[in-house]
Protein backbone atom coordinates (compact mmCIF):
# COMPACT_ATOMS: atom_id res chain seq x y z
CA MET A 1 0.01 0.06 -0.05
CA SER A 2 1.52 3.35 -1.04
CA ALA A 3 1.72 6.03 1.59
CA VAL A 4 -0.44 9.15 1.04
CA LEU A 5 0.98 10.82 4.24
CA GLN A 6 4.39 10.05 5.66
CA THR A 7 5.93 11.93 8.71
CA LYS A 8 9.49 11.41 9.91
CA ASP A 9 10.85 12.85 13.26
CA VAL A 10 8.15 15.54 13.45
CA SER A 11 8.78 17.52 16.56
CA VAL A 12 7.14 20.76 17.88
CA THR A 13 8.40 22.98 20.74
CA PHE A 14 6.47 25.71 22.52
CA GLY A 15 9.02 27.69 24.51
CA GLY A 16 10.82 25.04 26.60
CA VAL A 17 7.95 22.55 26.26
CA ARG A 18 8.33 19.59 23.77
CA ALA A 19 4.75 19.09 22.56
CA LEU A 20 5.74 16.52 19.91
CA VAL A 21 8.94 14.42 19.88
CA ASP A 22 10.14 12.64 16.74
CA VAL A 23 6.67 11.45 15.52
CA ASP A 24 6.67 8.92 12.67
CA LEU A 25 3.25 8.28 11.26
CA ASP A 26 1.89 7.16 7.84
CA VAL A 27 -1.54 6.94 6.14
CA GLY A 28 -1.97 4.61 3.24
CA GLU A 29 -4.12 4.83 0.12
CA GLY A 30 -7.77 4.47 1.09
CA GLU A 31 -6.89 3.89 4.70
CA LEU A 32 -8.64 5.33 7.85
CA VAL A 33 -5.95 5.85 10.53
CA GLY A 34 -6.73 6.88 14.09
CA LEU A 35 -4.52 9.02 16.39
CA ILE A 36 -5.53 8.70 20.04
CA GLY A 37 -4.01 9.75 23.41
CA PRO A 38 -4.88 11.32 26.75
CA ASN A 39 -5.72 15.03 26.97
CA GLY A 40 -2.60 17.06 26.25
CA ALA A 41 -0.88 14.22 24.39
CA GLY A 42 -0.19 16.35 21.36
CA LYS A 43 -2.87 15.10 18.95
CA THR A 44 -4.09 18.41 17.63
CA THR A 45 -0.62 19.71 17.66
CA PHE A 46 0.32 17.06 15.24
CA VAL A 47 -2.51 17.85 12.80
CA ASP A 48 -1.53 21.64 13.19
CA ALA A 49 2.07 20.76 12.22
CA VAL A 50 1.03 18.46 9.26
CA THR A 51 -1.41 21.09 7.92
CA GLY A 52 1.19 23.99 8.35
CA PHE A 53 -0.40 25.88 11.26
CA VAL A 54 2.56 25.45 13.69
CA ARG A 55 6.31 25.45 13.12
CA TYR A 56 7.98 22.05 13.39
CA SER A 57 11.13 20.15 12.65
CA GLY A 58 11.31 16.89 10.71
CA GLY A 59 9.68 15.85 7.49
CA VAL A 60 6.11 15.81 6.13
CA GLU A 61 5.39 14.15 2.77
CA LEU A 62 2.29 14.02 0.77
CA ASP A 63 2.33 11.46 -2.07
CA GLY A 64 6.13 11.36 -1.73
CA ARG A 65 6.49 15.10 -2.01
CA GLU A 66 8.07 16.99 0.84
CA LEU A 67 5.91 19.86 2.04
CA GLY A 68 8.82 21.70 3.66
CA GLY A 69 7.94 25.26 4.72
CA LEU A 70 4.54 25.41 2.68
CA PRO A 71 1.92 27.63 4.42
CA PRO A 72 -1.51 26.12 5.14
CA HIS A 73 -3.24 27.28 2.01
CA MET A 74 -0.50 25.79 -0.23
CA ARG A 75 -0.79 22.50 1.60
CA ALA A 76 -4.46 22.61 0.99
CA VAL A 77 -3.80 23.14 -2.71
CA ARG A 78 -1.48 20.08 -2.73
CA GLY A 79 -4.30 17.96 -1.28
CA LEU A 80 -4.39 18.39 2.51
CA ALA A 81 -7.80 19.17 4.06
CA ARG A 82 -8.81 19.27 7.67
CA THR A 83 -11.78 19.77 9.90
CA TRP A 84 -11.73 21.65 13.33
CA GLN A 85 -12.78 20.66 16.84
CA SER A 86 -15.44 23.44 16.67
CA THR A 87 -17.50 23.25 13.48
CA GLU A 88 -17.68 26.79 12.31
CA LEU A 89 -20.23 27.10 9.56
CA PHE A 90 -21.47 30.32 7.83
CA ASP A 91 -24.91 30.54 9.52
CA ASP A 92 -26.16 33.08 7.05
CA LEU A 93 -25.49 30.76 4.08
CA THR A 94 -27.25 27.56 3.18
CA VAL A 95 -25.57 24.19 3.42
CA ARG A 96 -24.80 24.24 -0.30
CA GLU A 97 -23.39 27.72 -0.15
CA ASN A 98 -21.15 26.65 2.84
CA LEU A 99 -19.70 23.96 0.59
CA ALA A 100 -19.58 26.30 -2.41
CA VAL A 101 -17.11 28.68 -0.43
CA ALA A 102 -14.80 25.81 0.13
CA SER A 103 -15.02 24.38 -3.44
CA ARG A 104 -13.74 27.43 -5.09
CA ARG A 105 -10.02 28.15 -5.61
CA PRO A 106 -9.96 31.26 -7.73
CA SER A 107 -6.76 32.98 -9.03
CA LEU A 108 -6.13 36.67 -8.43
CA TRP A 109 -7.36 37.34 -12.02
CA GLN A 110 -10.65 35.55 -11.41
CA ILE A 111 -11.12 37.36 -8.09
CA ALA A 112 -10.72 40.74 -9.87
CA LYS A 113 -12.98 39.59 -12.72
CA GLU A 114 -15.72 38.44 -10.42
CA MET A 115 -15.94 41.90 -8.82
CA PHE A 116 -17.80 42.83 -12.03
CA GLU A 117 -19.01 39.49 -13.25
CA PRO A 118 -20.01 37.03 -10.41
CA ALA A 119 -19.17 33.33 -11.30
CA GLU A 120 -21.55 30.51 -11.17
CA VAL A 121 -20.19 27.74 -8.87
CA GLY A 122 -20.35 24.14 -10.28
CA THR A 123 -22.67 21.79 -8.34
CA ASP A 124 -21.18 18.39 -9.15
CA ALA A 125 -18.57 18.28 -6.45
CA ILE A 126 -20.98 19.76 -3.95
CA GLU A 127 -23.66 17.21 -4.72
CA ARG A 128 -21.13 14.35 -4.56
CA ALA A 129 -19.89 15.47 -1.22
CA LEU A 130 -23.39 15.88 0.33
CA GLU A 131 -24.41 12.49 -1.11
CA LEU A 132 -21.42 10.92 0.65
CA VAL A 133 -22.61 12.04 3.99
CA GLU A 134 -26.27 11.50 3.00
CA LEU A 135 -27.19 15.16 3.37
CA GLY A 136 -28.28 15.94 -0.08
CA TRP A 137 -31.78 16.59 1.24
CA ALA A 138 -30.36 19.47 3.47
CA GLN A 139 -28.54 21.43 0.71
CA ASP A 140 -31.03 24.31 0.83
CA LEU A 141 -31.41 24.46 4.57
CA MET A 142 -29.58 26.82 6.89
CA PRO A 143 -27.02 25.39 9.42
CA GLY A 144 -29.23 26.45 12.20
CA ASP A 145 -31.95 24.07 11.02
CA LEU A 146 -29.70 21.06 11.56
CA SER A 147 -28.79 18.88 14.61
CA GLN A 148 -25.27 19.06 15.93
CA GLY A 149 -24.52 15.73 14.38
CA GLN A 150 -25.70 16.86 11.00
CA ARG A 151 -23.65 20.15 11.29
CA LYS A 152 -20.54 17.99 11.98
CA LEU A 153 -21.36 16.16 8.80
CA VAL A 154 -21.65 19.41 6.88
CA GLY A 155 -18.11 20.21 8.25
CA VAL A 156 -16.88 16.83 6.87
CA ALA A 157 -18.61 17.44 3.53
CA ARG A 158 -17.01 20.88 3.23
CA ALA A 159 -13.64 19.29 3.55
CA ILE A 160 -14.53 16.50 1.13
CA VAL A 161 -15.67 19.01 -1.51
CA MET A 162 -11.98 20.01 -1.81
CA GLU A 163 -11.31 16.58 -3.08
CA PRO A 164 -8.25 16.21 -0.93
CA ARG A 165 -5.67 13.51 -1.05
CA LEU A 166 -5.84 13.36 2.82
CA LEU A 167 -8.51 14.38 5.13
CA CYS A 168 -7.59 15.14 8.77
CA LEU A 169 -10.49 15.07 11.10
CA ASP A 170 -10.10 16.72 14.50
CA GLU A 171 -12.56 15.57 17.05
CA PRO A 172 -15.50 15.13 14.56
CA ALA A 173 -17.58 13.26 17.24
CA ALA A 174 -17.20 15.84 19.95
CA GLY A 175 -20.56 16.83 21.25
CA LEU A 176 -22.46 14.02 19.44
CA ASP A 177 -24.64 11.52 21.32
CA THR A 178 -24.05 7.75 20.93
CA GLY A 179 -26.29 7.36 17.97
CA GLU A 180 -24.85 10.34 16.16
CA SER A 181 -21.28 9.06 16.74
CA GLU A 182 -22.22 5.68 15.35
CA GLU A 183 -23.79 7.19 12.29
CA LEU A 184 -20.73 9.35 11.67
CA GLY A 185 -18.49 6.30 12.10
CA ARG A 186 -20.43 4.48 9.41
CA ARG A 187 -20.18 7.50 7.07
CA LEU A 188 -16.33 7.59 7.55
CA ARG A 189 -15.98 3.95 7.01
CA THR A 190 -17.94 4.21 3.80
CA LEU A 191 -15.68 7.03 2.65
CA ALA A 192 -12.54 4.98 3.38
CA ASN A 193 -13.93 1.94 1.70
CA GLY A 194 -14.54 4.16 -1.36
CA GLY A 195 -10.83 5.14 -1.48
CA SER A 196 -10.57 8.25 0.69
CA SER A 197 -7.50 8.51 2.97
CA MET A 198 -8.16 9.90 6.38
CA LEU A 199 -6.42 10.69 9.65
CA LEU A 200 -8.99 10.72 12.52
CA ILE A 201 -8.44 12.16 15.98
CA ASP A 202 -11.18 11.90 18.57
CA HIS A 203 -11.50 11.86 22.44
CA ASP A 204 -13.99 8.96 22.08
CA MET A 205 -11.70 5.92 22.20
CA GLY A 206 -14.37 3.44 21.49
CA PHE A 207 -15.37 5.39 18.41
CA VAL A 208 -11.88 5.49 17.01
CA LEU A 209 -11.04 1.83 17.79
CA SER A 210 -14.33 0.69 16.07
CA VAL A 211 -13.86 2.40 12.71
CA CYS A 212 -10.16 2.64 12.08
CA ASP A 213 -7.82 0.28 10.08
CA ARG A 214 -4.85 1.21 12.24
CA ILE A 215 -4.20 3.24 15.34
CA PHE A 216 -1.26 5.42 16.64
CA VAL A 217 -1.17 6.28 20.26
CA LEU A 218 0.50 9.43 21.59
CA GLU A 219 1.47 10.15 25.24
CA PHE A 220 3.46 13.16 26.22
CA GLY A 221 4.15 13.94 22.56
CA LYS A 222 5.57 10.49 21.79
CA ILE A 223 4.21 7.58 19.87
CA ILE A 224 3.99 4.68 22.38
CA ALA A 225 2.02 2.10 20.38
CA ALA A 226 0.90 1.49 16.79
CA GLY A 227 -0.98 -1.13 15.03
CA ARG A 228 -4.45 -2.70 14.43
CA PRO A 229 -7.24 -1.76 16.89
CA ASP A 230 -7.42 -5.17 18.32
CA VAL A 231 -3.59 -5.16 19.07
CA VAL A 232 -3.38 -1.56 20.31
CA ARG A 233 -6.24 -1.98 22.76
CA LYS A 234 -4.33 -4.81 24.60
CA ASP A 235 -0.93 -2.99 24.59
CA PRO A 236 0.08 -2.65 28.35
CA ARG A 237 1.59 0.82 27.55
CA VAL A 238 -1.82 1.95 26.14
CA VAL A 239 -3.79 0.50 29.08
CA GLU A 240 -1.47 2.19 31.55
CA ALA A 241 -1.81 5.56 29.68
CA TYR A 242 -5.60 5.34 29.97
CA LEU A 243 -5.86 4.05 33.52
CA GLY A 244 -9.05 5.55 35.02
CA SER A 245 -12.35 6.25 33.37
CA ALA A 246 -11.07 5.93 29.90
CA ALA A 247 -9.46 2.52 30.33
CA GLY A 248 -12.65 0.68 29.98
CA GLU A 249 -13.22 2.08 26.64
CA LEU A 250 -10.21 0.29 25.38
CA ALA A 251 -11.67 -3.12 26.09
CA SER A 252 -13.39 -5.01 23.30
CA PRO A 253 -17.20 -5.29 23.60
CA SER A 254 -16.81 -8.99 24.70
CA GLU A 255 -14.21 -8.08 27.25
CA ALA A 256 -16.28 -5.27 28.57
CA GLY A 257 -19.26 -7.40 29.17
CA SER A 258 -17.28 -10.22 30.96
């Protein structure tokens, strides 16, 4: 399996604090990879580094091309898209219009031209993205008309409409109830089975372990375990990192019921 994303020795320092230490991580073609860890482990910092929002040392490659010092918008052009922990939608625009904003990448000449001749935004990519998250029926609604779970899916669709090589999802299930989380998981699994490559971060360990192909575990900025979910959940280092209320979430359904 070819690597869509490959990081090597990625480190981030804030003042004297090392938030990430030599993180090696990869996401393959059509693979859904999870990144988990206790609060403060460095999960969001890693996504911020990969997408260019914080300075880092080490290497980040997308499809074998080093991204170097590229700013976030250039990484997006190369094929990196992300969602944010807080789904910020334009509440005065319809769902379709929210996606249209993300789908357009005009040149400076086009921007100047559209000051006088507004452009029509194509609908094909928007319709495909909404169909993937089964929200085609909501395209003419306002974000305020949707549930929190549906708003999260609009955020995912807004990233999908960019047709990225890699989609980084930062806490997409935050604030969702159990049913909404399960539904989101099914949607993400469908996307991965359709060939989309994704990196998933979420505080809901059961959610991540249930939908991902592979898992990386961060603790204090370092990778302490990596592998298939059934292997990672039994790793002593992972169990120790999650001792307390979250430890039970690492057990498989059969183990939890025994």
